[in-house]
Amino acid sequence: MEKHVTDYASEDYWKKLINQSLIRFFILRALKDKDLHGYILIQEIRKLSNDFCSPSESTLYPALAQLSKSGLIQQTSVKDKERKTYHLTQKGRDAFKIATKTWNTILPTLNKRTLL
């Protein structure tokens, strides 16, 4: 059986890696202003990230489950529909503020030190 070798020179590898980390950040950001259900949440994440972060259902729902388990979001049901929506908790708002502060600390360094 052949071992999979990671291609670190692939732009696709780096996009997927960044996408995996940013999806949680963009979920929190998208839910900061309003409760959303899964499909609209995917659209909102795409919009907020200028289409860089484009989660599929198979990446979105595990991230939502993880954030829910951590108490950062809550799942709610719309009374007249079977669709479930997601709501940012106060703990999630606090986490988003910390995440934003952290990203705002590192982004200038990345921009300054990694210009090609």
PDB file of N, CA and C in Angstrom:
ATOM      1  N   MET A   1       0.833  -1.181   0.000  1.00  0.00           N
ATOM      2  CA  MET A   1       0.000   0.000   0.000  1.00  0.00           C
ATOM      3  C   MET A   1       0.884   1.254   0.000  1.00  0.00           C
ATOM      4  N   GLU A   2       0.597   2.162  -0.924  1.00  0.00           N
ATOM      5  CA  GLU A   2       1.371   3.390  -1.037  1.00  0.00           C
ATOM      6  C   GLU A   2       0.936   4.409   0.004  1.00  0.00           C
ATOM      7  N   LYS A   3       1.914   5.102   0.559  1.00  0.00           N
ATOM      8  CA  LYS A   3       1.623   6.190   1.474  1.00  0.00           C
ATOM      9  C   LYS A   3       1.353   7.452   0.674  1.00  0.00           C
ATOM     10  N   HIS A   4       0.373   8.222   1.135  1.00  0.00           N
ATOM     11  CA  HIS A   4       0.079   9.495   0.488  1.00  0.00           C
ATOM     12  C   HIS A   4       1.164  10.497   0.888  1.00  0.00           C
ATOM     13  N   VAL A   5       1.742  11.146  -0.086  1.00  0.00           N
ATOM     14  CA  VAL A   5       2.755  12.159   0.166  1.00  0.00           C
ATOM     15  C   VAL A   5       2.119  13.530  -0.019  1.00  0.00           C
ATOM     16  N   THR A   6       2.214  14.355   0.992  1.00  0.00           N
ATOM     17  CA  THR A   6       1.645  15.695   0.931  1.00  0.00           C
ATOM     18  C   THR A   6       2.473  16.565   0.001  1.00  0.00           C
ATOM     19  N   ASP A   7       1.794  17.262  -0.876  1.00  0.00           N
ATOM     20  CA  ASP A   7       2.467  18.157  -1.810  1.00  0.00           C
ATOM     21  C   ASP A   7       2.443  19.572  -1.233  1.00  0.00           C
ATOM     22  N   TYR A   8       3.478  19.925  -0.490  1.00  0.00           N
ATOM     23  CA  TYR A   8       3.544  21.236   0.146  1.00  0.00           C
ATOM     24  C   TYR A   8       3.738  22.370  -0.853  1.00  0.00           C
ATOM     25  N   ALA A   9       4.088  22.040  -2.080  1.00  0.00           N
ATOM     26  CA  ALA A   9       4.254  23.047  -3.126  1.00  0.00           C
ATOM     27  C   ALA A   9       2.942  23.303  -3.868  1.00  0.00           C
ATOM     28  N   SER A  10       1.874  22.689  -3.422  1.00  0.00           N
ATOM     29  CA  SER A  10       0.573  22.832  -4.065  1.00  0.00           C
ATOM     30  C   SER A  10      -0.222  23.971  -3.424  1.00  0.00           C
ATOM     31  N   GLU A  11      -0.705  24.869  -4.243  1.00  0.00           N
ATOM     32  CA  GLU A  11      -1.562  25.950  -3.740  1.00  0.00           C
ATOM     33  C   GLU A  11      -2.828  25.373  -3.121  1.00  0.00           C
ATOM     34  N   ASP A  12      -3.328  24.294  -3.691  1.00  0.00           N
ATOM     35  CA  ASP A  12      -4.530  23.641  -3.178  1.00  0.00           C
ATOM     36  C   ASP A  12      -4.323  23.151  -1.745  1.00  0.00           C
ATOM     37  N   TYR A  13      -3.147  22.604  -1.443  1.00  0.00           N
ATOM     38  CA  TYR A  13      -2.845  22.154  -0.075  1.00  0.00           C
ATOM     39  C   TYR A  13      -2.980  23.321   0.901  1.00  0.00           C
ATOM     40  N   TRP A  14      -2.362  24.450   0.589  1.00  0.00           N
ATOM     41  CA  TRP A  14      -2.365  25.600   1.490  1.00  0.00           C
ATOM     42  C   TRP A  14      -3.753  26.218   1.615  1.00  0.00           C
ATOM     43  N   LYS A  15      -4.509  26.257   0.529  1.00  0.00           N
ATOM     44  CA  LYS A  15      -5.882  26.768   0.607  1.00  0.00           C
ATOM     45  C   LYS A  15      -6.739  25.908   1.520  1.00  0.00           C
ATOM     46  N   LYS A  16      -6.614  24.588   1.389  1.00  0.00           N
ATOM     47  CA  LYS A  16      -7.390  23.682   2.250  1.00  0.00           C
ATOM     48  C   LYS A  16      -7.002  23.845   3.713  1.00  0.00           C
ATOM     49  N   LEU A  17      -5.712  23.971   3.976  1.00  0.00           N
ATOM     50  CA  LEU A  17      -5.229  24.131   5.350  1.00  0.00           C
ATOM     51  C   LEU A  17      -5.763  25.430   5.963  1.00  0.00           C
ATOM     52  N   ILE A  18      -5.667  26.512   5.226  1.00  0.00           N
ATOM     53  CA  ILE A  18      -6.164  27.803   5.714  1.00  0.00           C
ATOM     54  C   ILE A  18      -7.685  27.755   5.874  1.00  0.00           C
ATOM     55  N   ASN A  19      -8.348  27.131   4.911  1.00  0.00           N
ATOM     56  CA  ASN A  19      -9.800  26.994   4.955  1.00  0.00           C
ATOM     57  C   ASN A  19     -10.246  26.258   6.215  1.00  0.00           C
ATOM     58  N   GLN A  20      -9.527  25.190   6.563  1.00  0.00           N
ATOM     59  CA  GLN A  20      -9.884  24.400   7.743  1.00  0.00           C
ATOM     60  C   GLN A  20      -9.773  25.233   9.011  1.00  0.00           C
ATOM     61  N   SER A  21      -8.780  26.128   9.079  1.00  0.00           N
ATOM     62  CA  SER A  21      -8.675  26.942  10.271  1.00  0.00           C
ATOM     63  C   SER A  21      -9.635  28.113  10.278  1.00  0.00           C
ATOM     64  N   LEU A  22      -9.855  28.702   9.129  1.00  0.00           N
ATOM     65  CA  LEU A  22     -10.694  29.892   9.076  1.00  0.00           C
ATOM     66  C   LEU A  22     -12.191  29.616   9.141  1.00  0.00           C
ATOM     67  N   ILE A  23     -12.606  28.408   8.841  1.00  0.00           N
ATOM     68  CA  ILE A  23     -14.052  28.140   8.811  1.00  0.00           C
ATOM     69  C   ILE A  23     -14.706  28.469  10.149  1.00  0.00           C
ATOM     70  N   ARG A  24     -14.068  28.141  11.251  1.00  0.00           N
ATOM     71  CA  ARG A  24     -14.642  28.430  12.574  1.00  0.00           C
ATOM     72  C   ARG A  24     -14.730  29.941  12.798  1.00  0.00           C
ATOM     73  N   PHE A  25     -13.675  30.655  12.413  1.00  0.00           N
ATOM     74  CA  PHE A  25     -13.670  32.112  12.536  1.00  0.00           C
ATOM     75  C   PHE A  25     -14.827  32.721  11.740  1.00  0.00           C
ATOM     76  N   PHE A  26     -14.993  32.285  10.485  1.00  0.00           N
ATOM     77  CA  PHE A  26     -16.046  32.848   9.649  1.00  0.00           C
ATOM     78  C   PHE A  26     -17.447  32.413  10.085  1.00  0.00           C
ATOM     79  N   ILE A  27     -17.575  31.246  10.693  1.00  0.00           N
ATOM     80  CA  ILE A  27     -18.871  30.855  11.256  1.00  0.00           C
ATOM     81  C   ILE A  27     -19.246  31.836  12.369  1.00  0.00           C
ATOM     82  N   LEU A  28     -18.301  32.078  13.270  1.00  0.00           N
ATOM     83  CA  LEU A  28     -18.567  33.013  14.371  1.00  0.00           C
ATOM     84  C   LEU A  28     -18.887  34.405  13.828  1.00  0.00           C
ATOM     85  N   ARG A  29     -18.132  34.838  12.822  1.00  0.00           N
ATOM     86  CA  ARG A  29     -18.375  36.168  12.234  1.00  0.00           C
ATOM     87  C   ARG A  29     -19.758  36.235  11.583  1.00  0.00           C
ATOM     88  N   ALA A  30     -20.115  35.214  10.843  1.00  0.00           N
ATOM     89  CA  ALA A  30     -21.411  35.204  10.150  1.00  0.00           C
ATOM     90  C   ALA A  30     -22.564  35.226  11.141  1.00  0.00           C
ATOM     91  N   LEU A  31     -22.409  34.560  12.270  1.00  0.00           N
ATOM     92  CA  LEU A  31     -23.490  34.491  13.261  1.00  0.00           C
ATOM     93  C   LEU A  31     -23.492  35.684  14.219  1.00  0.00           C
ATOM     94  N   LYS A  32     -22.498  36.541  14.104  1.00  0.00           N
ATOM     95  CA  LYS A  32     -22.389  37.693  14.997  1.00  0.00           C
ATOM     96  C   LYS A  32     -23.596  38.625  14.873  1.00  0.00           C
ATOM     97  N   ASP A  33     -24.104  38.786  13.670  1.00  0.00           N
ATOM     98  CA  ASP A  33     -25.189  39.744  13.446  1.00  0.00           C
ATOM     99  C   ASP A  33     -26.577  39.130  13.364  1.00  0.00           C
ATOM    100  N   LYS A  34     -26.646  37.829  13.038  1.00  0.00           N
ATOM    101  CA  LYS A  34     -27.972  37.210  12.881  1.00  0.00           C
ATOM    102  C   LYS A  34     -27.862  35.688  12.943  1.00  0.00           C
ATOM    103  N   ASP A  35     -28.970  35.065  13.308  1.00  0.00           N
ATOM    104  CA  ASP A  35     -29.054  33.606  13.302  1.00  0.00           C
ATOM    105  C   ASP A  35     -29.215  33.137  11.858  1.00  0.00           C
ATOM    106  N   LEU A  36     -28.545  32.046  11.524  1.00  0.00           N
ATOM    107  CA  LEU A  36     -28.596  31.550  10.153  1.00  0.00           C
ATOM    108  C   LEU A  36     -28.743  30.036  10.136  1.00  0.00           C
ATOM    109  N   HIS A  37     -29.309  29.515   9.052  1.00  0.00           N
ATOM    110  CA  HIS A  37     -29.335  28.069   8.861  1.00  0.00           C
ATOM    111  C   HIS A  37     -28.200  27.685   7.916  1.00  0.00           C
ATOM    112  N   GLY A  38     -27.908  26.401   7.816  1.00  0.00           N
ATOM    113  CA  GLY A  38     -26.736  25.886   7.129  1.00  0.00           C
ATOM    114  C   GLY A  38     -26.471  26.424   5.741  1.00  0.00           C
ATOM    115  N   TYR A  39     -27.454  26.368   4.853  1.00  0.00           N
ATOM    116  CA  TYR A  39     -27.238  26.798   3.469  1.00  0.00           C
ATOM    117  C   TYR A  39     -26.890  28.280   3.401  1.00  0.00           C
ATOM    118  N   ILE A  40     -27.626  29.101   4.125  1.00  0.00           N
ATOM    119  CA  ILE A  40     -27.369  30.542   4.138  1.00  0.00           C
ATOM    120  C   ILE A  40     -26.031  30.832   4.815  1.00  0.00           C
ATOM    121  N   LEU A  41     -25.690  30.051   5.808  1.00  0.00           N
ATOM    122  CA  LEU A  41     -24.401  30.197   6.493  1.00  0.00           C
ATOM    123  C   LEU A  41     -23.250  29.954   5.516  1.00  0.00           C
ATOM    124  N   ILE A  42     -23.359  28.936   4.679  1.00  0.00           N
ATOM    125  CA  ILE A  42     -22.333  28.669   3.661  1.00  0.00           C
ATOM    126  C   ILE A  42     -22.209  29.873   2.722  1.00  0.00           C
ATOM    127  N   GLN A  43     -23.328  30.407   2.276  1.00  0.00           N
ATOM    128  CA  GLN A  43     -23.311  31.575   1.381  1.00  0.00           C
ATOM    129  C   GLN A  43     -22.683  32.793   2.066  1.00  0.00           C
ATOM    130  N   GLU A  44     -23.019  32.987   3.325  1.00  0.00           N
ATOM    131  CA  GLU A  44     -22.498  34.131   4.075  1.00  0.00           C
ATOM    132  C   GLU A  44     -20.984  34.012   4.282  1.00  0.00           C
ATOM    133  N   ILE A  45     -20.504  32.809   4.561  1.00  0.00           N
ATOM    134  CA  ILE A  45     -19.058  32.589   4.726  1.00  0.00           C
ATOM    135  C   ILE A  45     -18.335  32.880   3.416  1.00  0.00           C
ATOM    136  N   ARG A  46     -18.898  32.428   2.318  1.00  0.00           N
ATOM    137  CA  ARG A  46     -18.296  32.720   1.001  1.00  0.00           C
ATOM    138  C   ARG A  46     -18.217  34.234   0.780  1.00  0.00           C
ATOM    139  N   LYS A  47     -19.307  34.922   1.096  1.00  0.00           N
ATOM    140  CA  LYS A  47     -19.365  36.373   0.898  1.00  0.00           C
ATOM    141  C   LYS A  47     -18.348  37.090   1.795  1.00  0.00           C
ATOM    142  N   LEU A  48     -18.317  36.729   3.065  1.00  0.00           N
ATOM    143  CA  LEU A  48     -17.406  37.372   4.010  1.00  0.00           C
ATOM    144  C   LEU A  48     -15.935  37.156   3.656  1.00  0.00           C
ATOM    145  N   SER A  49     -15.632  36.030   3.053  1.00  0.00           N
ATOM    146  CA  SER A  49     -14.236  35.694   2.732  1.00  0.00           C
ATOM    147  C   SER A  49     -13.890  35.956   1.267  1.00  0.00           C
ATOM    148  N   ASN A  50     -14.740  36.665   0.560  1.00  0.00           N
ATOM    149  CA  ASN A  50     -14.533  36.901  -0.879  1.00  0.00           C
ATOM    150  C   ASN A  50     -14.311  35.592  -1.633  1.00  0.00           C
ATOM    151  N   ASP A  51     -15.089  34.580  -1.277  1.00  0.00           N
ATOM    152  CA  ASP A  51     -15.055  33.253  -1.894  1.00  0.00           C
ATOM    153  C   ASP A  51     -13.785  32.448  -1.614  1.00  0.00           C
ATOM    154  N   PHE A  52     -12.919  32.951  -0.734  1.00  0.00           N
ATOM    155  CA  PHE A  52     -11.720  32.167  -0.404  1.00  0.00           C
ATOM    156  C   PHE A  52     -12.100  30.938   0.423  1.00  0.00           C
ATOM    157  N   CYS A  53     -12.943  31.160   1.407  1.00  0.00           N
ATOM    158  CA  CYS A  53     -13.410  30.086   2.272  1.00  0.00           C
ATOM    159  C   CYS A  53     -14.771  29.652   1.735  1.00  0.00           C
ATOM    160  N   SER A  54     -14.813  28.459   1.193  1.00  0.00           N
ATOM    161  CA  SER A  54     -16.034  27.979   0.554  1.00  0.00           C
ATOM    162  C   SER A  54     -16.369  26.592   1.097  1.00  0.00           C
ATOM    163  N   PRO A  55     -16.947  26.545   2.291  1.00  0.00           N
ATOM    164  CA  PRO A  55     -17.172  25.245   2.918  1.00  0.00           C
ATOM    165  C   PRO A  55     -18.273  24.434   2.244  1.00  0.00           C
ATOM    166  N   SER A  56     -18.076  23.139   2.250  1.00  0.00           N
ATOM    167  CA  SER A  56     -19.127  22.223   1.810  1.00  0.00           C
ATOM    168  C   SER A  56     -19.891  21.812   3.061  1.00  0.00           C
ATOM    169  N   GLU A  57     -20.990  21.117   2.879  1.00  0.00           N
ATOM    170  CA  GLU A  57     -21.742  20.625   4.039  1.00  0.00           C
ATOM    171  C   GLU A  57     -20.878  19.694   4.877  1.00  0.00           C
ATOM    172  N   SER A  58     -20.005  18.921   4.221  1.00  0.00           N
ATOM    173  CA  SER A  58     -19.183  17.954   4.953  1.00  0.00           C
ATOM    174  C   SER A  58     -18.093  18.618   5.792  1.00  0.00           C
ATOM    175  N   THR A  59     -17.782  19.891   5.529  1.00  0.00           N
ATOM    176  CA  THR A  59     -16.846  20.602   6.401  1.00  0.00           C
ATOM    177  C   THR A  59     -17.584  21.536   7.356  1.00  0.00           C
ATOM    178  N   LEU A  60     -18.727  22.061   6.920  1.00  0.00           N
ATOM    179  CA  LEU A  60     -19.472  22.990   7.762  1.00  0.00           C
ATOM    180  C   LEU A  60     -20.061  22.322   8.999  1.00  0.00           C
ATOM    181  N   TYR A  61     -20.773  21.222   8.804  1.00  0.00           N
ATOM    182  CA  TYR A  61     -21.513  20.641   9.930  1.00  0.00           C
ATOM    183  C   TYR A  61     -20.621  20.074  11.043  1.00  0.00           C
ATOM    184  N   PRO A  62     -19.481  19.461  10.741  1.00  0.00           N
ATOM    185  CA  PRO A  62     -18.588  19.076  11.845  1.00  0.00           C
ATOM    186  C   PRO A  62     -18.046  20.293  12.609  1.00  0.00           C
ATOM    187  N   ALA A  63     -17.769  21.381  11.898  1.00  0.00           N
ATOM    188  CA  ALA A  63     -17.309  22.601  12.572  1.00  0.00           C
ATOM    189  C   ALA A  63     -18.423  23.183  13.447  1.00  0.00           C
ATOM    190  N   LEU A  64     -19.659  23.172  12.945  1.00  0.00           N
ATOM    191  CA  LEU A  64     -20.789  23.643  13.755  1.00  0.00           C
ATOM    192  C   LEU A  64     -20.969  22.776  15.000  1.00  0.00           C
ATOM    193  N   ALA A  65     -20.826  21.462  14.839  1.00  0.00           N
ATOM    194  CA  ALA A  65     -20.961  20.551  15.987  1.00  0.00           C
ATOM    195  C   ALA A  65     -19.877  20.832  17.027  1.00  0.00           C
ATOM    196  N   GLN A  66     -18.669  21.083  16.564  1.00  0.00           N
ATOM    197  CA  GLN A  66     -17.563  21.376  17.473  1.00  0.00           C
ATOM    198  C   GLN A  66     -17.801  22.689  18.221  1.00  0.00           C
ATOM    199  N   LEU A  67     -18.253  23.715  17.509  1.00  0.00           N
ATOM    200  CA  LEU A  67     -18.532  25.005  18.148  1.00  0.00           C
ATOM    201  C   LEU A  67     -19.706  24.892  19.114  1.00  0.00           C
ATOM    202  N   SER A  68     -20.687  24.091  18.763  1.00  0.00           N
ATOM    203  CA  SER A  68     -21.838  23.876  19.632  1.00  0.00           C
ATOM    204  C   SER A  68     -21.427  23.147  20.911  1.00  0.00           C
ATOM    205  N   LYS A  69     -20.625  22.116  20.756  1.00  0.00           N
ATOM    206  CA  LYS A  69     -20.141  21.338  21.910  1.00  0.00           C
ATOM    207  C   LYS A  69     -19.319  22.212  22.860  1.00  0.00           C
ATOM    208  N   SER A  70     -18.636  23.195  22.290  1.00  0.00           N
ATOM    209  CA  SER A  70     -17.821  24.109  23.095  1.00  0.00           C
ATOM    210  C   SER A  70     -18.633  25.250  23.704  1.00  0.00           C
ATOM    211  N   GLY A  71     -19.927  25.314  23.368  1.00  0.00           N
ATOM    212  CA  GLY A  71     -20.792  26.343  23.933  1.00  0.00           C
ATOM    213  C   GLY A  71     -20.693  27.689  23.227  1.00  0.00           C
ATOM    214  N   LEU A  72     -20.083  27.729  22.039  1.00  0.00           N
ATOM    215  CA  LEU A  72     -19.925  28.989  21.325  1.00  0.00           C
ATOM    216  C   LEU A  72     -21.150  29.334  20.478  1.00  0.00           C
ATOM    217  N   ILE A  73     -21.880  28.311  20.058  1.00  0.00           N
ATOM    218  CA  ILE A  73     -23.115  28.516  19.307  1.00  0.00           C
ATOM    219  C   ILE A  73     -24.185  27.590  19.866  1.00  0.00           C
ATOM    220  N   GLN A  74     -25.433  27.923  19.567  1.00  0.00           N
ATOM    221  CA  GLN A  74     -26.561  27.064  19.932  1.00  0.00           C
ATOM    222  C   GLN A  74     -27.375  26.798  18.682  1.00  0.00           C
ATOM    223  N   GLN A  75     -27.899  25.612  18.627  1.00  0.00           N
ATOM    224  CA  GLN A  75     -28.782  25.240  17.525  1.00  0.00           C
ATOM    225  C   GLN A  75     -30.217  25.505  17.971  1.00  0.00           C
ATOM    226  N   THR A  76     -30.970  26.161  17.109  1.00  0.00           N
ATOM    227  CA  THR A  76     -32.367  26.443  17.431  1.00  0.00           C
ATOM    228  C   THR A  76     -33.234  25.977  16.270  1.00  0.00           C
ATOM    229  N   SER A  77     -34.489  25.794  16.511  1.00  0.00           N
ATOM    230  CA  SER A  77     -35.420  25.400  15.463  1.00  0.00           C
ATOM    231  C   SER A  77     -36.387  26.535  15.199  1.00  0.00           C
ATOM    232  N   VAL A  78     -36.650  26.785  13.939  1.00  0.00           N
ATOM    233  CA  VAL A  78     -37.654  27.774  13.564  1.00  0.00           C
ATOM    234  C   VAL A  78     -39.006  27.100  13.727  1.00  0.00           C
ATOM    235  N   LYS A  79     -39.926  27.756  14.408  1.00  0.00           N
ATOM    236  CA  LYS A  79     -41.207  27.132  14.757  1.00  0.00           C
ATOM    237  C   LYS A  79     -42.010  26.650  13.553  1.00  0.00           C
ATOM    238  N   ASP A  80     -42.080  27.464  12.517  1.00  0.00           N
ATOM    239  CA  ASP A  80     -42.924  27.075  11.391  1.00  0.00           C
ATOM    240  C   ASP A  80     -42.186  26.238  10.340  1.00  0.00           C
ATOM    241  N   LYS A  81     -40.918  25.969  10.562  1.00  0.00           N
ATOM    242  CA  LYS A  81     -40.148  25.178   9.604  1.00  0.00           C
ATOM    243  C   LYS A  81     -39.320  24.138  10.339  1.00  0.00           C
ATOM    244  N   GLU A  82     -38.900  23.135   9.640  1.00  0.00           N
ATOM    245  CA  GLU A  82     -38.065  22.101  10.249  1.00  0.00           C
ATOM    246  C   GLU A  82     -36.586  22.466  10.214  1.00  0.00           C
ATOM    247  N   ARG A  83     -36.262  23.560   9.549  1.00  0.00           N
ATOM    248  CA  ARG A  83     -34.873  23.988   9.426  1.00  0.00           C
ATOM    249  C   ARG A  83     -34.304  24.389  10.773  1.00  0.00           C
ATOM    250  N   LYS A  84     -33.071  24.004  11.010  1.00  0.00           N
ATOM    251  CA  LYS A  84     -32.400  24.403  12.238  1.00  0.00           C
ATOM    252  C   LYS A  84     -31.530  25.609  11.934  1.00  0.00           C
ATOM    253  N   THR A  85     -31.541  26.552  12.849  1.00  0.00           N
ATOM    254  CA  THR A  85     -30.686  27.722  12.709  1.00  0.00           C
ATOM    255  C   THR A  85     -29.639  27.686  13.817  1.00  0.00           C
ATOM    256  N   TYR A  86     -28.645  28.524  13.657  1.00  0.00           N
ATOM    257  CA  TYR A  86     -27.549  28.584  14.619  1.00  0.00           C
ATOM    258  C   TYR A  86     -27.455  29.998  15.169  1.00  0.00           C
ATOM    259  N   HIS A  87     -27.195  30.077  16.464  1.00  0.00           N
ATOM    260  CA  HIS A  87     -27.186  31.329  17.203  1.00  0.00           C
ATOM    261  C   HIS A  87     -25.858  31.446  17.951  1.00  0.00           C
ATOM    262  N   LEU A  88     -25.246  32.611  17.890  1.00  0.00           N
ATOM    263  CA  LEU A  88     -23.995  32.852  18.603  1.00  0.00           C
ATOM    264  C   LEU A  88     -24.292  33.151  20.071  1.00  0.00           C
ATOM    265  N   THR A  89     -23.666  32.419  20.965  1.00  0.00           N
ATOM    266  CA  THR A  89     -23.838  32.646  22.401  1.00  0.00           C
ATOM    267  C   THR A  89     -22.899  33.762  22.864  1.00  0.00           C
ATOM    268  N   GLN A  90     -23.045  34.191  24.101  1.00  0.00           N
ATOM    269  CA  GLN A  90     -22.128  35.204  24.636  1.00  0.00           C
ATOM    270  C   GLN A  90     -20.701  34.655  24.656  1.00  0.00           C
ATOM    271  N   LYS A  91     -20.555  33.394  24.989  1.00  0.00           N
ATOM    272  CA  LYS A  91     -19.237  32.763  24.961  1.00  0.00           C
ATOM    273  C   LYS A  91     -18.658  32.795  23.540  1.00  0.00           C
ATOM    274  N   GLY A  92     -19.513  32.603  22.550  1.00  0.00           N
ATOM    275  CA  GLY A  92     -19.097  32.687  21.151  1.00  0.00           C
ATOM    276  C   GLY A  92     -18.702  34.095  20.758  1.00  0.00           C
ATOM    277  N   ARG A  93     -19.446  35.082  21.250  1.00  0.00           N
ATOM    278  CA  ARG A  93     -19.103  36.487  20.982  1.00  0.00           C
ATOM    279  C   ARG A  93     -17.744  36.830  21.585  1.00  0.00           C
ATOM    280  N   ASP A  94     -17.513  36.353  22.796  1.00  0.00           N
ATOM    281  CA  ASP A  94     -16.218  36.587  23.448  1.00  0.00           C
ATOM    282  C   ASP A  94     -15.090  35.910  22.675  1.00  0.00           C
ATOM    283  N   ALA A  95     -15.337  34.692  22.239  1.00  0.00           N
ATOM    284  CA  ALA A  95     -14.328  33.954  21.464  1.00  0.00           C
ATOM    285  C   ALA A  95     -14.048  34.666  20.143  1.00  0.00           C
ATOM    286  N   PHE A  96     -15.093  35.191  19.506  1.00  0.00           N
ATOM    287  CA  PHE A  96     -14.901  35.908  18.245  1.00  0.00           C
ATOM    288  C   PHE A  96     -14.045  37.158  18.452  1.00  0.00           C
ATOM    289  N   LYS A  97     -14.276  37.887  19.540  1.00  0.00           N
ATOM    290  CA  LYS A  97     -13.467  39.085  19.827  1.00  0.00           C
ATOM    291  C   LYS A  97     -11.995  38.713  19.997  1.00  0.00           C
ATOM    292  N   ILE A  98     -11.741  37.621  20.712  1.00  0.00           N
ATOM    293  CA  ILE A  98     -10.362  37.171  20.920  1.00  0.00           C
ATOM    294  C   ILE A  98      -9.740  36.710  19.607  1.00  0.00           C
ATOM    295  N   ALA A  99     -10.509  35.976  18.806  1.00  0.00           N
ATOM    296  CA  ALA A  99     -10.014  35.507  17.509  1.00  0.00           C
ATOM    297  C   ALA A  99      -9.684  36.691  16.598  1.00  0.00           C
ATOM    298  N   THR A 100     -10.559  37.689  16.587  1.00  0.00           N
ATOM    299  CA  THR A 100     -10.331  38.877  15.763  1.00  0.00           C
ATOM    300  C   THR A 100      -9.074  39.603  16.204  1.00  0.00           C
ATOM    301  N   LYS A 101      -8.918  39.761  17.501  1.00  0.00           N
ATOM    302  CA  LYS A 101      -7.719  40.418  18.045  1.00  0.00           C
ATOM    303  C   LYS A 101      -6.466  39.645  17.640  1.00  0.00           C
ATOM    304  N   THR A 102      -6.524  38.328  17.721  1.00  0.00           N
ATOM    305  CA  THR A 102      -5.376  37.496  17.365  1.00  0.00           C
ATOM    306  C   THR A 102      -5.044  37.617  15.885  1.00  0.00           C
ATOM    307  N   TRP A 103      -6.057  37.509  15.023  1.00  0.00           N
ATOM    308  CA  TRP A 103      -5.816  37.655  13.580  1.00  0.00           C
ATOM    309  C   TRP A 103      -5.289  39.048  13.257  1.00  0.00           C
ATOM    310  N   ASN A 104      -5.825  40.071  13.907  1.00  0.00           N
ATOM    311  CA  ASN A 104      -5.358  41.437  13.650  1.00  0.00           C
ATOM    312  C   ASN A 104      -3.920  41.650  14.124  1.00  0.00           C
ATOM    313  N   THR A 105      -3.449  40.827  15.031  1.00  0.00           N
ATOM    314  CA  THR A 105      -2.064  40.896  15.477  1.00  0.00           C
ATOM    315  C   THR A 105      -1.128  40.268  14.452  1.00  0.00           C
ATOM    316  N   ILE A 106      -1.508  39.136  13.891  1.00  0.00           N
ATOM    317  CA  ILE A 106      -0.617  38.414  12.983  1.00  0.00           C
ATOM    318  C   ILE A 106      -0.701  38.890  11.534  1.00  0.00           C
ATOM    319  N   LEU A 107      -1.842  39.373  11.089  1.00  0.00           N
ATOM    320  CA  LEU A 107      -1.986  39.761   9.674  1.00  0.00           C
ATOM    321  C   LEU A 107      -0.996  40.831   9.217  1.00  0.00           C
ATOM    322  N   PRO A 108      -0.774  41.894   9.986  1.00  0.00           N
ATOM    323  CA  PRO A 108       0.228  42.870   9.530  1.00  0.00           C
ATOM    324  C   PRO A 108       1.624  42.251   9.380  1.00  0.00           C
ATOM    325  N   THR A 109       1.954  41.348  10.268  1.00  0.00           N
ATOM    326  CA  THR A 109       3.247  40.672  10.178  1.00  0.00           C
ATOM    327  C   THR A 109       3.323  39.820   8.921  1.00  0.00           C
ATOM    328  N   LEU A 110       2.269  39.077   8.646  1.00  0.00           N
ATOM    329  CA  LEU A 110       2.242  38.263   7.420  1.00  0.00           C
ATOM    330  C   LEU A 110       2.359  39.150   6.191  1.00  0.00           C
ATOM    331  N   ASN A 111       1.636  40.244   6.171  1.00  0.00           N
ATOM    332  CA  ASN A 111       1.682  41.152   5.024  1.00  0.00           C
ATOM    333  C   ASN A 111       3.062  41.775   4.853  1.00  0.00           C
ATOM    334  N   LYS A 112       3.690  42.132   5.952  1.00  0.00           N
ATOM    335  CA  LYS A 112       4.994  42.815   5.898  1.00  0.00           C
ATOM    336  C   LYS A 112       6.137  41.839   5.607  1.00  0.00           C
ATOM    337  N   ARG A 113       6.109  40.676   6.221  1.00  0.00           N
ATOM    338  CA  ARG A 113       7.259  39.763   6.168  1.00  0.00           C
ATOM    339  C   ARG A 113       7.207  38.742   5.033  1.00  0.00           C
ATOM    340  N   THR A 114       6.074  38.597   4.406  1.00  0.00           N
ATOM    341  CA  THR A 114       5.980  37.527   3.407  1.00  0.00           C
ATOM    342  C   THR A 114       5.697  38.024   2.000  1.00  0.00           C
ATOM    343  N   LEU A 115       5.973  39.277   1.749  1.00  0.00           N
ATOM    344  CA  LEU A 115       5.774  39.788   0.392  1.00  0.00           C
ATOM    345  C   LEU A 115       6.724  39.093  -0.562  1.00  0.00           C
ATOM    346  N   LEU A 116       6.178  38.624  -1.665  1.00  0.00           N
ATOM    347  CA  LEU A 116       7.015  37.937  -2.664  1.00  0.00           C
ATOM    348  C   LEU A 116       7.550  38.908  -3.689  1.00  0.00           C
TER     349      LEU A 116
END
